[in-house]
Amino acid sequence: MIQLTETAVSKVRQFAQGDAGAAGKGFRVYIQAGGCSGYSYKFKMDDPREGDTVIEAGEVKVFVDPKSLMLLDGCTVDFVENFAGSGFKIQNPHAKGTCGCGESFTC
């Protein structure tokens, strides 16, 4: 299962309210091959797809495809704002290493 912090839920709701194209959609969290360490985390507002795991996080529906779930199960998604920037960050117990920028990981 994937968890979203209260801050992440709040930010997803804020983004969805500010984007007319996001009305009625959920928050997709997925893995894409690439990045300097092998896999990259990706996020977007999307519709559910066949085979997705659907997770309720506050008022947000989170969609995860089966392949991504294998690498994301047990993760926590947070939203971080600091002097270096802002964005969604994942704490992943499966990651054995990350790149210097923290945007990709290895398993």
C-alpha atoms as a PDB file:
ATOM      1  CA  MET A   1       0.000   0.000   0.000  1.00  0.00           C
ATOM      2  CA  ILE A   2       1.088   3.573  -0.644  1.00  0.00           C
ATOM      3  CA  GLN A   3       0.484   6.364   1.848  1.00  0.00           C
ATOM      4  CA  LEU A   4       0.213  10.098   1.260  1.00  0.00           C
ATOM      5  CA  THR A   5       1.045  12.571   3.997  1.00  0.00           C
ATOM      6  CA  GLU A   6      -1.522  15.244   4.863  1.00  0.00           C
ATOM      7  CA  THR A   7       0.700  17.773   3.097  1.00  0.00           C
ATOM      8  CA  ALA A   8       0.711  15.681  -0.105  1.00  0.00           C
ATOM      9  CA  VAL A   9      -3.087  15.229   0.001  1.00  0.00           C
ATOM     10  CA  SER A  10      -3.549  18.964   0.479  1.00  0.00           C
ATOM     11  CA  LYS A  11      -1.228  19.771  -2.451  1.00  0.00           C
ATOM     12  CA  VAL A  12      -2.955  17.279  -4.779  1.00  0.00           C
ATOM     13  CA  ARG A  13      -6.333  18.835  -3.933  1.00  0.00           C
ATOM     14  CA  GLN A  14      -4.894  22.315  -4.490  1.00  0.00           C
ATOM     15  CA  PHE A  15      -3.453  21.363  -7.892  1.00  0.00           C
ATOM     16  CA  ALA A  16      -6.708  19.645  -8.922  1.00  0.00           C
ATOM     17  CA  GLN A  17      -8.789  22.693  -7.985  1.00  0.00           C
ATOM     18  CA  GLY A  18      -6.532  24.947 -10.041  1.00  0.00           C
ATOM     19  CA  ASP A  19      -6.715  22.795 -13.183  1.00  0.00           C
ATOM     20  CA  ALA A  20     -10.059  22.436 -14.954  1.00  0.00           C
ATOM     21  CA  GLY A  21      -8.699  19.390 -16.818  1.00  0.00           C
ATOM     22  CA  ALA A  22      -8.182  17.574 -13.514  1.00  0.00           C
ATOM     23  CA  ALA A  23     -11.858  17.619 -12.515  1.00  0.00           C
ATOM     24  CA  GLY A  24     -12.977  14.137 -11.513  1.00  0.00           C
ATOM     25  CA  LYS A  25      -9.520  12.628 -11.900  1.00  0.00           C
ATOM     26  CA  GLY A  26      -7.312  10.925  -9.356  1.00  0.00           C
ATOM     27  CA  PHE A  27      -3.616  11.184  -8.554  1.00  0.00           C
ATOM     28  CA  ARG A  28      -1.510   8.647 -10.462  1.00  0.00           C
ATOM     29  CA  VAL A  29       1.826   7.639  -8.935  1.00  0.00           C
ATOM     30  CA  TYR A  30       4.022   5.530 -11.176  1.00  0.00           C
ATOM     31  CA  ILE A  31       7.530   4.405 -12.033  1.00  0.00           C
ATOM     32  CA  GLN A  32       9.217   5.032 -15.361  1.00  0.00           C
ATOM     33  CA  ALA A  33      12.452   3.456 -16.511  1.00  0.00           C
ATOM     34  CA  GLY A  34      15.145   6.084 -16.850  1.00  0.00           C
ATOM     35  CA  GLY A  35      16.884   8.728 -14.830  1.00  0.00           C
ATOM     36  CA  CYS A  36      20.476   8.540 -13.762  1.00  0.00           C
ATOM     37  CA  SER A  37      19.854   5.671 -11.311  1.00  0.00           C
ATOM     38  CA  GLY A  38      17.493   3.456 -13.321  1.00  0.00           C
ATOM     39  CA  TYR A  39      13.921   4.396 -12.325  1.00  0.00           C
ATOM     40  CA  SER A  40      12.134   7.726 -11.964  1.00  0.00           C
ATOM     41  CA  TYR A  41       9.067   8.630  -9.939  1.00  0.00           C
ATOM     42  CA  LYS A  42       6.233  10.212 -11.916  1.00  0.00           C
ATOM     43  CA  PHE A  43       2.986  11.884 -10.874  1.00  0.00           C
ATOM     44  CA  LYS A  44      -0.046  13.132 -12.802  1.00  0.00           C
ATOM     45  CA  MET A  45      -3.776  13.655 -12.565  1.00  0.00           C
ATOM     46  CA  ASP A  46      -5.397  10.772 -14.438  1.00  0.00           C
ATOM     47  CA  ASP A  47      -8.374   8.454 -14.830  1.00  0.00           C
ATOM     48  CA  PRO A  48      -8.326   4.925 -13.420  1.00  0.00           C
ATOM     49  CA  ARG A  49      -7.234   2.125 -15.733  1.00  0.00           C
ATOM     50  CA  GLU A  50      -8.004  -1.555 -15.741  1.00  0.00           C
ATOM     51  CA  GLY A  51      -5.759  -3.371 -13.265  1.00  0.00           C
ATOM     52  CA  ASP A  52      -4.975  -0.274 -11.172  1.00  0.00           C
ATOM     53  CA  THR A  53      -4.847  -0.445  -7.411  1.00  0.00           C
ATOM     54  CA  VAL A  54      -6.997   2.382  -6.060  1.00  0.00           C
ATOM     55  CA  ILE A  55      -6.052   3.868  -2.696  1.00  0.00           C
ATOM     56  CA  GLU A  56      -8.131   6.412  -0.793  1.00  0.00           C
ATOM     57  CA  ALA A  57      -5.961   9.078   0.853  1.00  0.00           C
ATOM     58  CA  GLY A  58      -8.137  11.675   2.513  1.00  0.00           C
ATOM     59  CA  GLU A  59     -10.323  13.027  -0.293  1.00  0.00           C
ATOM     60  CA  VAL A  60      -7.851  11.911  -2.972  1.00  0.00           C
ATOM     61  CA  LYS A  61      -8.005   8.718  -5.005  1.00  0.00           C
ATOM     62  CA  VAL A  62      -4.537   7.409  -5.821  1.00  0.00           C
ATOM     63  CA  PHE A  63      -4.057   5.125  -8.845  1.00  0.00           C
ATOM     64  CA  VAL A  64      -1.088   2.772  -9.174  1.00  0.00           C
ATOM     65  CA  ASP A  65      -0.539   0.332 -12.038  1.00  0.00           C
ATOM     66  CA  PRO A  66       0.535  -3.251 -11.175  1.00  0.00           C
ATOM     67  CA  LYS A  67       4.150  -2.905 -12.382  1.00  0.00           C
ATOM     68  CA  SER A  68       4.709   0.322 -10.440  1.00  0.00           C
ATOM     69  CA  LEU A  69       3.073  -1.127  -7.334  1.00  0.00           C
ATOM     70  CA  MET A  70       5.800  -3.769  -7.103  1.00  0.00           C
ATOM     71  CA  LEU A  71       8.369  -0.989  -6.549  1.00  0.00           C
ATOM     72  CA  LEU A  72       6.105   1.422  -4.646  1.00  0.00           C
ATOM     73  CA  ASP A  73       4.402  -0.871  -2.135  1.00  0.00           C
ATOM     74  CA  GLY A  74       5.143   0.456   1.350  1.00  0.00           C
ATOM     75  CA  CYS A  75       6.124   3.940   0.135  1.00  0.00           C
ATOM     76  CA  THR A  76       5.092   7.285   1.560  1.00  0.00           C
ATOM     77  CA  VAL A  77       4.477  10.256  -0.744  1.00  0.00           C
ATOM     78  CA  ASP A  78       5.087  13.697   0.731  1.00  0.00           C
ATOM     79  CA  PHE A  79       5.201  17.221  -0.665  1.00  0.00           C
ATOM     80  CA  VAL A  80       8.304  19.175   0.311  1.00  0.00           C
ATOM     81  CA  GLU A  81       8.977  22.898  -0.010  1.00  0.00           C
ATOM     82  CA  ASN A  82      12.412  24.240   0.859  1.00  0.00           C
ATOM     83  CA  PHE A  83      15.148  26.545  -0.439  1.00  0.00           C
ATOM     84  CA  ALA A  84      16.162  23.931  -3.031  1.00  0.00           C
ATOM     85  CA  GLY A  85      12.674  23.766  -4.544  1.00  0.00           C
ATOM     86  CA  SER A  86       9.377  22.037  -4.073  1.00  0.00           C
ATOM     87  CA  GLY A  87       7.742  18.856  -5.254  1.00  0.00           C
ATOM     88  CA  PHE A  88       6.442  15.434  -4.398  1.00  0.00           C
ATOM     89  CA  LYS A  89       9.021  13.205  -2.731  1.00  0.00           C
ATOM     90  CA  ILE A  90       8.802   9.477  -2.085  1.00  0.00           C
ATOM     91  CA  GLN A  91      10.257   7.608   0.855  1.00  0.00           C
ATOM     92  CA  ASN A  92      10.803   4.188  -0.678  1.00  0.00           C
ATOM     93  CA  PRO A  93      11.905   1.231   1.483  1.00  0.00           C
ATOM     94  CA  HIS A  94      12.766  -0.715  -1.707  1.00  0.00           C
ATOM     95  CA  ALA A  95      15.278   1.822  -3.023  1.00  0.00           C
ATOM     96  CA  LYS A  96      18.861   0.690  -2.593  1.00  0.00           C
ATOM     97  CA  GLY A  97      20.282   3.945  -3.880  1.00  0.00           C
ATOM     98  CA  THR A  98      19.317   7.296  -5.316  1.00  0.00           C
ATOM     99  CA  CYS A  99      20.988   9.775  -7.600  1.00  0.00           C
ATOM    100  CA  GLY A 100      22.389  13.044  -6.311  1.00  0.00           C
ATOM    101  CA  CYS A 101      19.258  15.011  -7.207  1.00  0.00           C
ATOM    102  CA  GLY A 102      16.934  12.441  -5.580  1.00  0.00           C
ATOM    103  CA  GLU A 103      14.734  12.144  -8.672  1.00  0.00           C
ATOM    104  CA  SER A 104      15.652   8.564  -9.546  1.00  0.00           C
ATOM    105  CA  PHE A 105      16.513   5.356  -7.699  1.00  0.00           C
ATOM    106  CA  THR A 106      17.805   1.799  -7.997  1.00  0.00           C
ATOM    107  CA  CYS A 107      16.355  -1.388  -6.499  1.00  0.00           C
END
